[in-house]
Amino acid sequence: MRKMTKVWIMASMVSVNAWSGESVTSDLNKCITQKKISYTAKGAVTGALMGFLSAKASGKNKEDERKAALIGAVAGGGLGFLTAWNKAVDACKNEHPDWVVESDIKRSPNYDAVVSEFNYKPPQKNSIAIVRPLQIPEPVKPGDTANIQAKFVILTPDGGEAKVKIDRKFFVVADGQEEPLSFPGKDSEDRVVENGEQVDEFNLPIGEEVPVGTKVRVQYAISLNGAPLVSQSGIVEVK
């Protein structure tokens, strides 16, 4: 039983920093870290137990049982970590919504250039709402922070302010499949913006132990006055 306990502790230590992230405030960061450790440890324990029971059922010797438990613990902790991170972020945001600050979206000063680009002459009949291609950094290394810049253009018929819904989504890409990754900031919010081009910058922290080859798809979308979402996606690759 002592060997099994060591296995669980080792697995928890191995996996706890696999998807470390920065949050919006120190209080939110502490909350996420505490819950993440708890959820990850539970995942490692479950994995170890499943590995041990599987080896036991197949009639393997003590050494095989120990190896199976270690493999199960690491797999349980590693594979379960994304779930642990997501659960921690979601739980902390639900418990303390006041810790999640509003994004700092700034209007670009190039209003005249945008008006000329879209041949915009208010008053006009139709609105214009587009998201420009995301500015994604070159491949990042484990431990780096990927700075992502999103730009969107809003031009309304009367040239006044407009209500815009903004969605930010992240997905871990592996084996041809995508798994949602919770964002500690505002993943969805309503804003009132001036006509022109708006710039939204946000950071995606990459933990030191994120495996090389990991890809994260970033999806940024806006909706003007309840219209269907328009979006752009980009890939952050860890190399």
C-alpha atoms as a PDB file:
ATOM      1  CA  MET A   1       0.000   0.000   0.000  1.00  0.00           C
ATOM      2  CA  ARG A   2       2.958   2.330   0.687  1.00  0.00           C
ATOM      3  CA  LYS A   3       4.210   1.758  -2.874  1.00  0.00           C
ATOM      4  CA  MET A   4       0.810   2.678  -4.262  1.00  0.00           C
ATOM      5  CA  THR A   5       0.779   5.893  -2.203  1.00  0.00           C
ATOM      6  CA  LYS A   6       4.221   6.857  -3.570  1.00  0.00           C
ATOM      7  CA  VAL A   7       2.967   6.224  -7.081  1.00  0.00           C
ATOM      8  CA  TRP A   8      -0.015   8.536  -6.596  1.00  0.00           C
ATOM      9  CA  ILE A   9       2.168  11.305  -5.138  1.00  0.00           C
ATOM     10  CA  MET A  10       4.695  10.979  -7.985  1.00  0.00           C
ATOM     11  CA  ALA A  11       1.946  11.145 -10.570  1.00  0.00           C
ATOM     12  CA  SER A  12       0.439  14.227  -8.972  1.00  0.00           C
ATOM     13  CA  MET A  13       3.815  15.996  -8.988  1.00  0.00           C
ATOM     14  CA  VAL A  14       4.460  15.049 -12.618  1.00  0.00           C
ATOM     15  CA  SER A  15       1.152  16.319 -13.908  1.00  0.00           C
ATOM     16  CA  VAL A  16       0.344  19.323 -11.745  1.00  0.00           C
ATOM     17  CA  ASN A  17       2.193  21.880 -13.902  1.00  0.00           C
ATOM     18  CA  ALA A  18       1.379  20.398 -17.303  1.00  0.00           C
ATOM     19  CA  TRP A  19      -1.071  23.171 -18.240  1.00  0.00           C
ATOM     20  CA  SER A  20      -0.201  25.962 -15.836  1.00  0.00           C
ATOM     21  CA  GLY A  21      -1.839  29.274 -16.709  1.00  0.00           C
ATOM     22  CA  GLU A  22      -1.970  32.898 -15.778  1.00  0.00           C
ATOM     23  CA  SER A  23      -5.281  34.266 -14.621  1.00  0.00           C
ATOM     24  CA  VAL A  24      -6.674  37.760 -14.528  1.00  0.00           C
ATOM     25  CA  THR A  25      -6.049  38.484 -10.843  1.00  0.00           C
ATOM     26  CA  SER A  26      -3.870  36.996  -8.102  1.00  0.00           C
ATOM     27  CA  ASP A  27      -6.957  35.864  -6.165  1.00  0.00           C
ATOM     28  CA  LEU A  28      -8.352  34.069  -9.199  1.00  0.00           C
ATOM     29  CA  ASN A  29      -4.932  32.537  -9.855  1.00  0.00           C
ATOM     30  CA  LYS A  30      -4.731  31.155  -6.316  1.00  0.00           C
ATOM     31  CA  CYS A  31      -8.230  29.716  -6.567  1.00  0.00           C
ATOM     32  CA  ILE A  32      -7.475  28.016  -9.893  1.00  0.00           C
ATOM     33  CA  THR A  33      -4.173  26.617  -8.626  1.00  0.00           C
ATOM     34  CA  GLN A  34      -5.716  25.140  -5.474  1.00  0.00           C
ATOM     35  CA  LYS A  35      -8.629  23.513  -7.258  1.00  0.00           C
ATOM     36  CA  LYS A  36      -6.419  22.310 -10.119  1.00  0.00           C
ATOM     37  CA  ILE A  37      -4.089  20.482  -7.728  1.00  0.00           C
ATOM     38  CA  SER A  38      -7.041  18.795  -6.050  1.00  0.00           C
ATOM     39  CA  TYR A  39      -8.662  17.700  -9.313  1.00  0.00           C
ATOM     40  CA  THR A  40      -5.337  16.513 -10.772  1.00  0.00           C
ATOM     41  CA  ALA A  41      -4.493  14.445  -7.703  1.00  0.00           C
ATOM     42  CA  LYS A  42      -7.897  12.756  -7.918  1.00  0.00           C
ATOM     43  CA  GLY A  43      -7.273  11.941 -11.574  1.00  0.00           C
ATOM     44  CA  ALA A  44      -3.903  10.398 -10.728  1.00  0.00           C
ATOM     45  CA  VAL A  45      -5.387   8.310  -7.921  1.00  0.00           C
ATOM     46  CA  THR A  46      -8.131   6.993 -10.196  1.00  0.00           C
ATOM     47  CA  GLY A  47      -5.609   6.147 -12.915  1.00  0.00           C
ATOM     48  CA  ALA A  48      -3.337   4.333 -10.491  1.00  0.00           C
ATOM     49  CA  LEU A  49      -6.189   2.323  -9.057  1.00  0.00           C
ATOM     50  CA  MET A  50      -7.426   1.294 -12.502  1.00  0.00           C
ATOM     51  CA  GLY A  51      -3.918   0.236 -13.536  1.00  0.00           C
ATOM     52  CA  PHE A  52      -3.447  -1.770 -10.342  1.00  0.00           C
ATOM     53  CA  LEU A  53      -6.806  -3.537 -10.606  1.00  0.00           C
ATOM     54  CA  SER A  54      -6.219  -4.337 -14.267  1.00  0.00           C
ATOM     55  CA  ALA A  55      -2.867  -5.950 -13.487  1.00  0.00           C
ATOM     56  CA  LYS A  56      -4.374  -7.828 -10.542  1.00  0.00           C
ATOM     57  CA  ALA A  57      -7.204  -9.208 -12.637  1.00  0.00           C
ATOM     58  CA  SER A  58      -4.783 -10.466 -15.301  1.00  0.00           C
ATOM     59  CA  GLY A  59      -2.784 -12.431 -12.720  1.00  0.00           C
ATOM     60  CA  LYS A  60       0.451 -10.431 -13.027  1.00  0.00           C
ATOM     61  CA  ASN A  61       3.129 -10.518 -10.320  1.00  0.00           C
ATOM     62  CA  LYS A  62       3.834  -7.782  -7.774  1.00  0.00           C
ATOM     63  CA  GLU A  63       6.408  -6.004  -9.951  1.00  0.00           C
ATOM     64  CA  ASP A  64       3.994  -5.935 -12.901  1.00  0.00           C
ATOM     65  CA  GLU A  65       1.278  -4.578 -10.603  1.00  0.00           C
ATOM     66  CA  ARG A  66       3.608  -1.783  -9.466  1.00  0.00           C
ATOM     67  CA  LYS A  67       4.505  -0.854 -13.050  1.00  0.00           C
ATOM     68  CA  ALA A  68       0.865  -0.958 -14.125  1.00  0.00           C
ATOM     69  CA  ALA A  69      -0.103   1.285 -11.221  1.00  0.00           C
ATOM     70  CA  LEU A  70       2.625   3.811 -12.115  1.00  0.00           C
ATOM     71  CA  ILE A  71       1.586   3.859 -15.769  1.00  0.00           C
ATOM     72  CA  GLY A  72      -2.047   4.231 -14.760  1.00  0.00           C
ATOM     73  CA  ALA A  73      -1.256   7.028 -12.334  1.00  0.00           C
ATOM     74  CA  VAL A  74       0.748   9.055 -14.818  1.00  0.00           C
ATOM     75  CA  ALA A  75      -1.884   8.512 -17.508  1.00  0.00           C
ATOM     76  CA  GLY A  76      -4.673   9.398 -15.114  1.00  0.00           C
ATOM     77  CA  GLY A  77      -2.889  12.539 -13.990  1.00  0.00           C
ATOM     78  CA  GLY A  78      -1.738  13.557 -17.457  1.00  0.00           C
ATOM     79  CA  LEU A  79      -4.894  12.865 -19.398  1.00  0.00           C
ATOM     80  CA  GLY A  80      -7.027  14.123 -16.574  1.00  0.00           C
ATOM     81  CA  PHE A  81      -5.188  17.393 -16.241  1.00  0.00           C
ATOM     82  CA  LEU A  82      -7.006  19.207 -19.032  1.00  0.00           C
ATOM     83  CA  THR A  83     -10.263  18.293 -17.329  1.00  0.00           C
ATOM     84  CA  ALA A  84      -8.821  19.401 -13.988  1.00  0.00           C
ATOM     85  CA  TRP A  85      -7.747  22.761 -15.430  1.00  0.00           C
ATOM     86  CA  ASN A  86     -11.134  23.339 -17.041  1.00  0.00           C
ATOM     87  CA  LYS A  87     -13.033  22.380 -13.891  1.00  0.00           C
ATOM     88  CA  ALA A  88     -10.826  24.648 -11.771  1.00  0.00           C
ATOM     89  CA  VAL A  89     -11.226  27.658 -14.060  1.00  0.00           C
ATOM     90  CA  ASP A  90     -14.973  27.199 -14.427  1.00  0.00           C
ATOM     91  CA  ALA A  91     -15.502  26.662 -10.700  1.00  0.00           C
ATOM     92  CA  CYS A  92     -13.492  29.724  -9.695  1.00  0.00           C
ATOM     93  CA  LYS A  93     -15.163  31.954 -12.271  1.00  0.00           C
ATOM     94  CA  ASN A  94     -18.599  30.822 -11.093  1.00  0.00           C
ATOM     95  CA  GLU A  95     -17.750  31.303  -7.419  1.00  0.00           C
ATOM     96  CA  HIS A  96     -16.052  34.684  -7.860  1.00  0.00           C
ATOM     97  CA  PRO A  97     -17.259  36.422 -11.023  1.00  0.00           C
ATOM     98  CA  ASP A  98     -16.010  39.752  -9.648  1.00  0.00           C
ATOM     99  CA  TRP A  99     -12.429  38.488  -9.970  1.00  0.00           C
ATOM    100  CA  VAL A 100     -12.714  38.279 -13.768  1.00  0.00           C
ATOM    101  CA  VAL A 101     -12.032  41.763 -15.110  1.00  0.00           C
ATOM    102  CA  GLU A 102     -13.337  43.169 -18.372  1.00  0.00           C
ATOM    103  CA  SER A 103     -11.015  42.995 -21.366  1.00  0.00           C
ATOM    104  CA  ASP A 104      -9.107  46.091 -22.437  1.00  0.00           C
ATOM    105  CA  ILE A 105     -10.298  46.639 -26.008  1.00  0.00           C
ATOM    106  CA  LYS A 106      -8.959  49.778 -27.672  1.00  0.00           C
ATOM    107  CA  ARG A 107     -10.096  51.635 -30.778  1.00  0.00           C
ATOM    108  CA  SER A 108      -7.395  51.882 -33.402  1.00  0.00           C
ATOM    109  CA  PRO A 109      -6.545  55.454 -34.477  1.00  0.00           C
ATOM    110  CA  ASN A 110      -6.720  54.557 -38.196  1.00  0.00           C
ATOM    111  CA  TYR A 111     -10.417  55.468 -38.602  1.00  0.00           C
ATOM    112  CA  ASP A 112      -9.952  57.346 -41.878  1.00  0.00           C
ATOM    113  CA  ALA A 113      -8.013  54.432 -43.384  1.00  0.00           C
ATOM    114  CA  VAL A 114     -10.766  51.971 -42.378  1.00  0.00           C
ATOM    115  CA  VAL A 115     -13.463  54.207 -43.868  1.00  0.00           C
ATOM    116  CA  SER A 116     -11.495  54.372 -47.105  1.00  0.00           C
ATOM    117  CA  GLU A 117     -10.804  50.616 -47.109  1.00  0.00           C
ATOM    118  CA  PHE A 118     -14.502  49.740 -46.955  1.00  0.00           C
ATOM    119  CA  ASN A 119     -15.728  52.732 -48.975  1.00  0.00           C
ATOM    120  CA  TYR A 120     -17.897  53.636 -46.013  1.00  0.00           C
ATOM    121  CA  LYS A 121     -20.106  56.703 -46.296  1.00  0.00           C
ATOM    122  CA  PRO A 122     -22.688  57.190 -43.546  1.00  0.00           C
ATOM    123  CA  PRO A 123     -25.576  57.218 -43.585  1.00  0.00           C
ATOM    124  CA  GLN A 124     -25.761  53.984 -45.541  1.00  0.00           C
ATOM    125  CA  LYS A 125     -28.026  50.955 -45.631  1.00  0.00           C
ATOM    126  CA  ASN A 126     -25.877  48.104 -44.363  1.00  0.00           C
ATOM    127  CA  SER A 127     -23.612  47.568 -41.387  1.00  0.00           C
ATOM    128  CA  ILE A 128     -20.107  46.153 -41.700  1.00  0.00           C
ATOM    129  CA  ALA A 129     -18.762  43.690 -39.130  1.00  0.00           C
ATOM    130  CA  ILE A 130     -15.622  41.673 -39.805  1.00  0.00           C
ATOM    131  CA  VAL A 131     -12.841  39.998 -37.838  1.00  0.00           C
ATOM    132  CA  ARG A 132      -9.402  40.351 -39.357  1.00  0.00           C
ATOM    133  CA  PRO A 133      -7.008  37.341 -39.405  1.00  0.00           C
ATOM    134  CA  LEU A 134      -5.629  36.790 -35.912  1.00  0.00           C
ATOM    135  CA  GLN A 135      -2.054  37.775 -35.242  1.00  0.00           C
ATOM    136  CA  ILE A 136      -0.572  34.613 -33.748  1.00  0.00           C
ATOM    137  CA  PRO A 137       3.078  34.422 -32.640  1.00  0.00           C
ATOM    138  CA  GLU A 138       5.572  32.049 -34.212  1.00  0.00           C
ATOM    139  CA  PRO A 139       5.805  28.624 -32.560  1.00  0.00           C
ATOM    140  CA  VAL A 140       6.270  29.097 -28.822  1.00  0.00           C
ATOM    141  CA  LYS A 141       8.314  27.095 -26.358  1.00  0.00           C
ATOM    142  CA  PRO A 142       7.059  25.456 -23.159  1.00  0.00           C
ATOM    143  CA  GLY A 143       7.077  28.129 -20.472  1.00  0.00           C
ATOM    144  CA  ASP A 144       6.432  30.966 -22.920  1.00  0.00           C
ATOM    145  CA  THR A 145       3.350  33.176 -23.171  1.00  0.00           C
ATOM    146  CA  ALA A 146       1.708  33.544 -26.556  1.00  0.00           C
ATOM    147  CA  ASN A 147       0.513  37.095 -27.114  1.00  0.00           C
ATOM    148  CA  ILE A 148      -2.488  37.078 -29.455  1.00  0.00           C
ATOM    149  CA  GLN A 149      -3.934  40.143 -31.127  1.00  0.00           C
ATOM    150  CA  ALA A 150      -7.448  40.210 -32.527  1.00  0.00           C
ATOM    151  CA  LYS A 151      -8.777  43.092 -34.614  1.00  0.00           C
ATOM    152  CA  PHE A 152     -12.342  43.634 -35.731  1.00  0.00           C
ATOM    153  CA  VAL A 153     -14.051  46.349 -37.752  1.00  0.00           C
ATOM    154  CA  ILE A 154     -17.499  47.745 -36.958  1.00  0.00           C
ATOM    155  CA  LEU A 155     -19.172  50.297 -39.234  1.00  0.00           C
ATOM    156  CA  THR A 156     -22.859  51.072 -38.705  1.00  0.00           C
ATOM    157  CA  PRO A 157     -25.312  52.916 -41.019  1.00  0.00           C
ATOM    158  CA  ASP A 158     -25.515  55.968 -38.751  1.00  0.00           C
ATOM    159  CA  GLY A 159     -21.831  56.024 -37.802  1.00  0.00           C
ATOM    160  CA  GLY A 160     -22.663  55.815 -34.090  1.00  0.00           C
ATOM    161  CA  GLU A 161     -21.879  53.350 -31.326  1.00  0.00           C
ATOM    162  CA  ALA A 162     -22.794  49.673 -31.675  1.00  0.00           C
ATOM    163  CA  LYS A 163     -23.491  46.747 -29.355  1.00  0.00           C
ATOM    164  CA  VAL A 164     -21.109  43.868 -30.032  1.00  0.00           C
ATOM    165  CA  LYS A 165     -20.933  40.402 -28.498  1.00  0.00           C
ATOM    166  CA  ILE A 166     -17.404  38.980 -28.324  1.00  0.00           C
ATOM    167  CA  ASP A 167     -16.574  35.271 -28.009  1.00  0.00           C
ATOM    168  CA  ARG A 168     -13.106  33.887 -27.288  1.00  0.00           C
ATOM    169  CA  LYS A 169     -12.631  30.134 -27.451  1.00  0.00           C
ATOM    170  CA  PHE A 170      -9.617  27.831 -27.125  1.00  0.00           C
ATOM    171  CA  PHE A 171      -9.246  24.194 -28.147  1.00  0.00           C
ATOM    172  CA  VAL A 172      -6.408  21.725 -27.589  1.00  0.00           C
ATOM    173  CA  VAL A 173      -5.815  19.845 -30.849  1.00  0.00           C
ATOM    174  CA  ALA A 174      -4.603  16.234 -30.579  1.00  0.00           C
ATOM    175  CA  ASP A 175      -4.992  13.131 -32.740  1.00  0.00           C
ATOM    176  CA  GLY A 176      -7.298  14.936 -35.121  1.00  0.00           C
ATOM    177  CA  GLN A 177      -9.700  15.894 -32.339  1.00  0.00           C
ATOM    178  CA  GLU A 178     -10.321  19.063 -30.338  1.00  0.00           C
ATOM    179  CA  GLU A 179     -10.890  19.441 -26.616  1.00  0.00           C
ATOM    180  CA  PRO A 180     -12.172  22.785 -25.263  1.00  0.00           C
ATOM    181  CA  LEU A 181      -9.772  24.665 -23.011  1.00  0.00           C
ATOM    182  CA  SER A 182     -11.341  27.019 -20.462  1.00  0.00           C
ATOM    183  CA  PHE A 183     -10.138  30.628 -20.481  1.00  0.00           C
ATOM    184  CA  PRO A 184      -9.600  32.359 -17.098  1.00  0.00           C
ATOM    185  CA  GLY A 185     -10.614  35.723 -18.557  1.00  0.00           C
ATOM    186  CA  LYS A 186     -13.875  36.800 -20.187  1.00  0.00           C
ATOM    187  CA  ASP A 187     -14.668  34.103 -22.751  1.00  0.00           C
ATOM    188  CA  SER A 188     -17.832  35.945 -23.755  1.00  0.00           C
ATOM    189  CA  GLU A 189     -18.892  39.540 -23.185  1.00  0.00           C
ATOM    190  CA  ASP A 190     -21.076  42.314 -24.546  1.00  0.00           C
ATOM    191  CA  ARG A 191     -19.466  45.639 -25.366  1.00  0.00           C
ATOM    192  CA  VAL A 192     -20.544  48.964 -26.793  1.00  0.00           C
ATOM    193  CA  VAL A 193     -17.906  50.215 -29.226  1.00  0.00           C
ATOM    194  CA  GLU A 194     -17.367  53.162 -31.525  1.00  0.00           C
ATOM    195  CA  ASN A 195     -17.274  52.792 -35.280  1.00  0.00           C
ATOM    196  CA  GLY A 196     -13.872  51.830 -36.642  1.00  0.00           C
ATOM    197  CA  GLU A 197     -11.303  49.138 -35.932  1.00  0.00           C
ATOM    198  CA  GLN A 198     -11.024  47.685 -32.434  1.00  0.00           C
ATOM    199  CA  VAL A 199      -7.926  45.932 -31.071  1.00  0.00           C
ATOM    200  CA  ASP A 200      -8.165  43.173 -28.449  1.00  0.00           C
ATOM    201  CA  GLU A 201      -4.926  41.703 -27.059  1.00  0.00           C
ATOM    202  CA  PHE A 202      -4.803  38.725 -24.726  1.00  0.00           C
ATOM    203  CA  ASN A 203      -2.206  36.216 -23.532  1.00  0.00           C
ATOM    204  CA  LEU A 204      -2.214  32.430 -23.685  1.00  0.00           C
ATOM    205  CA  PRO A 205       0.254  31.072 -21.071  1.00  0.00           C
ATOM    206  CA  ILE A 206       2.069  27.868 -22.061  1.00  0.00           C
ATOM    207  CA  GLY A 207       3.177  25.774 -19.075  1.00  0.00           C
ATOM    208  CA  GLU A 208       6.780  24.587 -18.903  1.00  0.00           C
ATOM    209  CA  GLU A 209       5.713  20.948 -19.120  1.00  0.00           C
ATOM    210  CA  VAL A 210       3.300  21.276 -22.034  1.00  0.00           C
ATOM    211  CA  PRO A 211       4.473  18.604 -24.511  1.00  0.00           C
ATOM    212  CA  VAL A 212       6.270  19.794 -27.625  1.00  0.00           C
ATOM    213  CA  GLY A 213       3.961  19.373 -30.590  1.00  0.00           C
ATOM    214  CA  THR A 214       0.879  20.524 -28.681  1.00  0.00           C
ATOM    215  CA  LYS A 215      -1.408  22.777 -30.717  1.00  0.00           C
ATOM    216  CA  VAL A 216      -4.053  25.159 -29.430  1.00  0.00           C
ATOM    217  CA  ARG A 217      -6.653  26.569 -31.781  1.00  0.00           C
ATOM    218  CA  VAL A 218      -7.793  30.081 -30.923  1.00  0.00           C
ATOM    219  CA  GLN A 219     -11.220  31.141 -32.182  1.00  0.00           C
ATOM    220  CA  TYR A 220     -12.300  34.779 -31.977  1.00  0.00           C
ATOM    221  CA  ALA A 221     -15.813  35.789 -32.994  1.00  0.00           C
ATOM    222  CA  ILE A 222     -18.078  38.847 -32.873  1.00  0.00           C
ATOM    223  CA  SER A 223     -21.766  39.453 -33.372  1.00  0.00           C
ATOM    224  CA  LEU A 224     -23.110  42.920 -34.203  1.00  0.00           C
ATOM    225  CA  ASN A 225     -26.557  43.732 -32.796  1.00  0.00           C
ATOM    226  CA  GLY A 226     -27.562  40.066 -32.544  1.00  0.00           C
ATOM    227  CA  ALA A 227     -26.501  39.096 -36.075  1.00  0.00           C
ATOM    228  CA  PRO A 228     -24.822  35.710 -36.720  1.00  0.00           C
ATOM    229  CA  LEU A 229     -21.249  35.406 -35.452  1.00  0.00           C
ATOM    230  CA  VAL A 230     -18.342  36.136 -37.752  1.00  0.00           C
ATOM    231  CA  SER A 231     -15.001  34.651 -36.707  1.00  0.00           C
ATOM    232  CA  GLN A 232     -11.357  33.925 -37.355  1.00  0.00           C
ATOM    233  CA  SER A 233      -9.184  31.096 -36.046  1.00  0.00           C
ATOM    234  CA  GLY A 234      -5.458  30.629 -35.579  1.00  0.00           C
ATOM    235  CA  ILE A 235      -3.145  27.906 -34.250  1.00  0.00           C
ATOM    236  CA  VAL A 236      -0.585  28.298 -31.477  1.00  0.00           C
ATOM    237  CA  GLU A 237       1.983  25.513 -31.782  1.00  0.00           C
ATOM    238  CA  VAL A 238       4.398  24.481 -29.061  1.00  0.00           C
ATOM    239  CA  LYS A 239       7.829  23.560 -30.456  1.00  0.00           C
END
